[in-house]
C-alpha atoms as a PDB file:
ATOM      1  CA  MET A   1      99.854 149.999  51.642  1.00  0.00           C
ATOM      2  CA  ALA A   2     102.545 150.364  54.307  1.00  0.00           C
ATOM      3  CA  LEU A   3     106.118 151.044  53.277  1.00  0.00           C
ATOM      4  CA  LYS A   4     108.217 147.897  53.040  1.00  0.00           C
ATOM      5  CA  VAL A   5     111.617 149.552  53.206  1.00  0.00           C
ATOM      6  CA  ALA A   6     113.316 150.683  56.375  1.00  0.00           C
ATOM      7  CA  LEU A   7     116.342 152.814  57.096  1.00  0.00           C
ATOM      8  CA  GLY A   8     119.531 150.790  57.113  1.00  0.00           C
ATOM      9  CA  GLN A   9     118.174 147.885  55.078  1.00  0.00           C
ATOM     10  CA  GLN A  10     119.306 146.778  51.633  1.00  0.00           C
ATOM     11  CA  ALA A  11     117.056 148.352  48.998  1.00  0.00           C
ATOM     12  CA  PRO A  12     115.148 145.743  46.969  1.00  0.00           C
ATOM     13  CA  ASP A  13     116.780 145.265  43.582  1.00  0.00           C
ATOM     14  CA  PHE A  14     114.560 145.279  40.519  1.00  0.00           C
ATOM     15  CA  GLU A  15     114.747 144.819  36.784  1.00  0.00           C
ATOM     16  CA  ALA A  16     112.443 146.860  34.559  1.00  0.00           C
ATOM     17  CA  ILE A  17     112.303 148.865  31.335  1.00  0.00           C
ATOM     18  CA  ASP A  18     112.934 152.607  31.204  1.00  0.00           C
ATOM     19  CA  ASP A  19     111.439 155.360  29.050  1.00  0.00           C
ATOM     20  CA  ARG A  20     113.925 154.598  26.263  1.00  0.00           C
ATOM     21  CA  GLY A  21     112.959 150.921  26.157  1.00  0.00           C
ATOM     22  CA  GLN A  22     116.234 149.920  27.846  1.00  0.00           C
ATOM     23  CA  PRO A  23     116.520 147.425  30.699  1.00  0.00           C
ATOM     24  CA  VAL A  24     117.473 148.924  34.037  1.00  0.00           C
ATOM     25  CA  ARG A  25     118.308 147.411  37.412  1.00  0.00           C
ATOM     26  CA  LEU A  26     118.835 149.233  40.668  1.00  0.00           C
ATOM     27  CA  SER A  27     122.133 147.373  41.063  1.00  0.00           C
ATOM     28  CA  ASP A  28     123.365 149.025  37.821  1.00  0.00           C
ATOM     29  CA  PHE A  29     123.904 152.156  39.918  1.00  0.00           C
ATOM     30  CA  ARG A  30     126.036 150.609  42.667  1.00  0.00           C
ATOM     31  CA  GLY A  31     128.750 153.143  43.463  1.00  0.00           C
ATOM     32  CA  ARG A  32     126.328 156.065  43.107  1.00  0.00           C
ATOM     33  CA  ASN A  33     123.553 157.307  45.356  1.00  0.00           C
ATOM     34  CA  VAL A  34     120.053 156.804  43.947  1.00  0.00           C
ATOM     35  CA  VAL A  35     116.951 158.919  44.445  1.00  0.00           C
ATOM     36  CA  LEU A  36     114.133 156.502  43.627  1.00  0.00           C
ATOM     37  CA  TYR A  37     111.006 158.604  43.525  1.00  0.00           C
ATOM     38  CA  PHE A  38     107.580 157.084  43.016  1.00  0.00           C
ATOM     39  CA  TYR A  39     104.819 159.240  41.577  1.00  0.00           C
ATOM     40  CA  PRO A  40     101.154 158.543  40.745  1.00  0.00           C
ATOM     41  CA  LYS A  41     100.681 159.315  37.044  1.00  0.00           C
ATOM     42  CA  ASP A  42     102.404 160.775  33.983  1.00  0.00           C
ATOM     43  CA  HIS A  43     100.945 163.994  32.534  1.00  0.00           C
ATOM     44  CA  THR A  44      99.168 165.110  35.727  1.00  0.00           C
ATOM     45  CA  PRO A  45      99.792 168.542  37.287  1.00  0.00           C
ATOM     46  CA  GLY A  46     101.483 167.438  40.525  1.00  0.00           C
ATOM     47  CA  CYS A  47     103.605 164.773  38.859  1.00  0.00           C
ATOM     48  CA  THR A  48     104.646 167.154  36.092  1.00  0.00           C
ATOM     49  CA  LEU A  49     105.656 169.734  38.705  1.00  0.00           C
ATOM     50  CA  GLU A  50     107.660 167.177  40.685  1.00  0.00           C
ATOM     51  CA  ALA A  51     109.421 165.815  37.577  1.00  0.00           C
ATOM     52  CA  ARG A  52     110.335 169.298  36.396  1.00  0.00           C
ATOM     53  CA  SER A  53     111.547 170.208  39.895  1.00  0.00           C
ATOM     54  CA  PHE A  54     113.888 167.205  39.967  1.00  0.00           C
ATOM     55  CA  ASN A  55     114.992 167.937  36.407  1.00  0.00           C
ATOM     56  CA  ALA A  56     115.856 171.555  37.258  1.00  0.00           C
ATOM     57  CA  ARG A  57     118.284 170.286  39.920  1.00  0.00           C
ATOM     58  CA  LEU A  58     119.911 167.411  38.014  1.00  0.00           C
ATOM     59  CA  LYS A  59     123.326 169.110  37.992  1.00  0.00           C
ATOM     60  CA  GLU A  60     123.151 169.479  41.772  1.00  0.00           C
ATOM     61  CA  PHE A  61     122.345 165.776  42.136  1.00  0.00           C
ATOM     62  CA  ASP A  62     125.142 164.857  39.740  1.00  0.00           C
ATOM     63  CA  ARG A  63     127.635 166.913  41.790  1.00  0.00           C
ATOM     64  CA  ARG A  64     126.616 164.747  44.732  1.00  0.00           C
ATOM     65  CA  ASN A  65     127.225 161.517  42.768  1.00  0.00           C
ATOM     66  CA  THR A  66     123.487 160.882  42.782  1.00  0.00           C
ATOM     67  CA  VAL A  67     121.216 159.603  40.034  1.00  0.00           C
ATOM     68  CA  VAL A  68     117.471 160.347  39.935  1.00  0.00           C
ATOM     69  CA  LEU A  69     115.031 157.639  38.817  1.00  0.00           C
ATOM     70  CA  GLY A  70     111.281 158.211  38.555  1.00  0.00           C
ATOM     71  CA  VAL A  71     108.917 155.232  38.926  1.00  0.00           C
ATOM     72  CA  SER A  72     105.211 154.952  38.204  1.00  0.00           C
ATOM     73  CA  THR A  73     102.795 152.280  37.039  1.00  0.00           C
ATOM     74  CA  ASP A  74     102.555 153.937  33.610  1.00  0.00           C
ATOM     75  CA  ASP A  75     103.889 152.028  30.602  1.00  0.00           C
ATOM     76  CA  VAL A  76     106.964 152.802  28.501  1.00  0.00           C
ATOM     77  CA  SER A  77     105.093 154.730  25.789  1.00  0.00           C
ATOM     78  CA  SER A  78     103.450 156.996  28.370  1.00  0.00           C
ATOM     79  CA  HIS A  79     106.864 157.602  29.958  1.00  0.00           C
ATOM     80  CA  GLN A  80     108.340 158.454  26.552  1.00  0.00           C
ATOM     81  CA  ARG A  81     105.664 161.078  25.908  1.00  0.00           C
ATOM     82  CA  PHE A  82     105.997 162.461  29.455  1.00  0.00           C
ATOM     83  CA  ARG A  83     109.807 162.653  29.164  1.00  0.00           C
ATOM     84  CA  ASP A  84     109.607 164.433  25.818  1.00  0.00           C
ATOM     85  CA  ARG A  85     106.846 166.825  26.891  1.00  0.00           C
ATOM     86  CA  CYS A  86     108.703 167.811  30.061  1.00  0.00           C
ATOM     87  CA  GLY A  87     112.225 167.685  28.597  1.00  0.00           C
ATOM     88  CA  LEU A  88     113.406 165.322  31.320  1.00  0.00           C
ATOM     89  CA  GLY A  89     117.056 164.348  31.560  1.00  0.00           C
ATOM     90  CA  PHE A  90     116.626 161.432  33.954  1.00  0.00           C
ATOM     91  CA  ARG A  91     115.225 157.951  33.480  1.00  0.00           C
ATOM     92  CA  LEU A  92     111.606 157.008  34.099  1.00  0.00           C
ATOM     93  CA  ILE A  93     111.019 153.395  35.095  1.00  0.00           C
ATOM     94  CA  ALA A  94     107.866 151.666  33.845  1.00  0.00           C
ATOM     95  CA  ASP A  95     106.184 149.478  36.472  1.00  0.00           C
ATOM     96  CA  PRO A  96     102.845 148.492  34.864  1.00  0.00           C
ATOM     97  CA  ARG A  97     102.790 145.192  36.808  1.00  0.00           C
ATOM     98  CA  LYS A  98     103.318 147.161  40.028  1.00  0.00           C
ATOM     99  CA  GLU A  99     106.158 144.885  41.131  1.00  0.00           C
ATOM    100  CA  ILE A 100     108.584 147.646  42.128  1.00  0.00           C
ATOM    101  CA  CYS A 101     105.847 149.629  43.857  1.00  0.00           C
ATOM    102  CA  ARG A 102     104.840 146.529  45.832  1.00  0.00           C
ATOM    103  CA  ALA A 103     108.451 145.709  46.757  1.00  0.00           C
ATOM    104  CA  TYR A 104     108.883 149.186  48.231  1.00  0.00           C
ATOM    105  CA  GLY A 105     105.365 149.468  49.676  1.00  0.00           C
ATOM    106  CA  ALA A 106     104.636 152.476  47.467  1.00  0.00           C
ATOM    107  CA  LEU A 107     101.404 151.202  45.932  1.00  0.00           C
ATOM    108  CA  GLY A 108      98.194 153.043  46.759  1.00  0.00           C
ATOM    109  CA  GLY A 109      94.526 152.818  45.902  1.00  0.00           C
ATOM    110  CA  LEU A 110      92.043 150.038  46.653  1.00  0.00           C
ATOM    111  CA  MET A 111      94.451 148.011  48.773  1.00  0.00           C
ATOM    112  CA  GLY A 112      96.983 148.018  45.953  1.00  0.00           C
ATOM    113  CA  VAL A 113      94.811 145.931  43.626  1.00  0.00           C
ATOM    114  CA  LEU A 114      93.745 148.654  41.202  1.00  0.00           C
ATOM    115  CA  GLY A 115      96.408 150.943  42.539  1.00  0.00           C
ATOM    116  CA  TRP A 116      98.944 153.417  41.351  1.00  0.00           C
ATOM    117  CA  SER A 117     102.213 154.656  42.765  1.00  0.00           C
ATOM    118  CA  GLN A 118     101.980 156.811  45.845  1.00  0.00           C
ATOM    119  CA  ARG A 119     104.199 159.875  46.103  1.00  0.00           C
ATOM    120  CA  VAL A 120     107.105 158.258  47.977  1.00  0.00           C
ATOM    121  CA  THR A 121     110.858 158.832  47.672  1.00  0.00           C
ATOM    122  CA  VAL A 122     113.654 156.533  48.798  1.00  0.00           C
ATOM    123  CA  LEU A 123     117.281 157.683  49.067  1.00  0.00           C
ATOM    124  CA  ILE A 124     119.673 154.784  48.534  1.00  0.00           C
ATOM    125  CA  ASP A 125     123.409 155.098  49.151  1.00  0.00           C
ATOM    126  CA  ARG A 126     126.322 153.831  47.039  1.00  0.00           C
ATOM    127  CA  GLU A 127     126.189 150.396  48.669  1.00  0.00           C
ATOM    128  CA  GLY A 128     122.448 149.991  48.061  1.00  0.00           C
ATOM    129  CA  ILE A 129     121.366 150.802  51.626  1.00  0.00           C
ATOM    130  CA  VAL A 130     118.187 152.813  52.317  1.00  0.00           C
ATOM    131  CA  ARG A 131     119.270 156.059  54.003  1.00  0.00           C
ATOM    132  CA  ALA A 132     116.061 158.144  53.917  1.00  0.00           C
ATOM    133  CA  VAL A 133     112.379 157.742  53.041  1.00  0.00           C
ATOM    134  CA  TRP A 134     109.763 160.419  52.396  1.00  0.00           C
ATOM    135  CA  GLU A 135     105.998 159.949  52.150  1.00  0.00           C
ATOM    136  CA  SER A 136     103.365 162.460  51.014  1.00  0.00           C
ATOM    137  CA  VAL A 137     105.833 165.032  49.741  1.00  0.00           C
ATOM    138  CA  SER A 138     105.342 168.500  48.265  1.00  0.00           C
ATOM    139  CA  PRO A 139     106.134 168.157  44.534  1.00  0.00           C
ATOM    140  CA  ARG A 140     107.662 171.624  44.225  1.00  0.00           C
ATOM    141  CA  GLN A 141     109.979 171.637  47.245  1.00  0.00           C
ATOM    142  CA  HIS A 142     110.795 167.963  47.561  1.00  0.00           C
ATOM    143  CA  PRO A 143     113.953 167.836  45.394  1.00  0.00           C
ATOM    144  CA  GLU A 144     115.507 170.520  47.598  1.00  0.00           C
ATOM    145  CA  GLU A 145     114.684 168.431  50.704  1.00  0.00           C
ATOM    146  CA  VAL A 146     116.400 165.428  49.141  1.00  0.00           C
ATOM    147  CA  LEU A 147     119.529 167.441  48.288  1.00  0.00           C
ATOM    148  CA  GLN A 148     119.649 168.759  51.840  1.00  0.00           C
ATOM    149  CA  ARG A 149     119.380 165.229  53.277  1.00  0.00           C
ATOM    150  CA  ILE A 150     122.171 163.979  50.997  1.00  0.00           C
ATOM    151  CA  ASP A 151     124.375 166.743  52.406  1.00  0.00           C
ATOM    152  CA  GLU A 152     123.297 166.094  56.015  1.00  0.00           C
ATOM    153  CA  LEU A 153     124.134 162.404  55.664  1.00  0.00           C
ATOM    154  CA  GLY A 154     127.497 163.176  54.054  1.00  0.00           C
ATOM    155  CA  LEU A 155     126.679 161.108  50.974  1.00  0.00           C
ATOM    156  CA  SER A 156     128.160 163.569  48.468  1.00  0.00           C
END
C-alpha cells in the first residue's frame, strides 16, 4: 500500500486505545512533536529491537519536546504484554481494525486485506503537520535518524 501522507500536509487525526486501555487521539499531543512509528508485530525480534531502541532514547526525545507513539495492528492485551516485557515508557496504540494504518498508508500484506503494519515512521510537528516520513527503516539505528532530523528541522 502506498503512503497516504505527504510532507507539509496535516497528519490524519485518529482516536484509538493505548496499551493501558486509555483513549488516545493524535490531537491530544498538539503543542508537541510526535514520532508516530508503525511496526509489524509485537514480540518479534525486529520490532522488539526497534521498541527498545526508541525507549533507550526517550529522554532525548523529551528534551526535544517530542512524544513517541508506537502503532501496530496488535490488540491492547498484546501491547500490554509487549510493553511490560520490554519495559517500555511510551504508549503503544492498538489498531486491530487497521484504520490508522490505512489512513497513513502504512498497511502491508495481501493488498492490505489480511495485512499488518509496515515499518514506517512519520514525524509530525507541534501544529500537526507531517515534517518527515521514513519507510523500510533499520530498527536499531532508526531512532537516532529521527532525532537527527528533528534537530535538522529545528523542531526542538
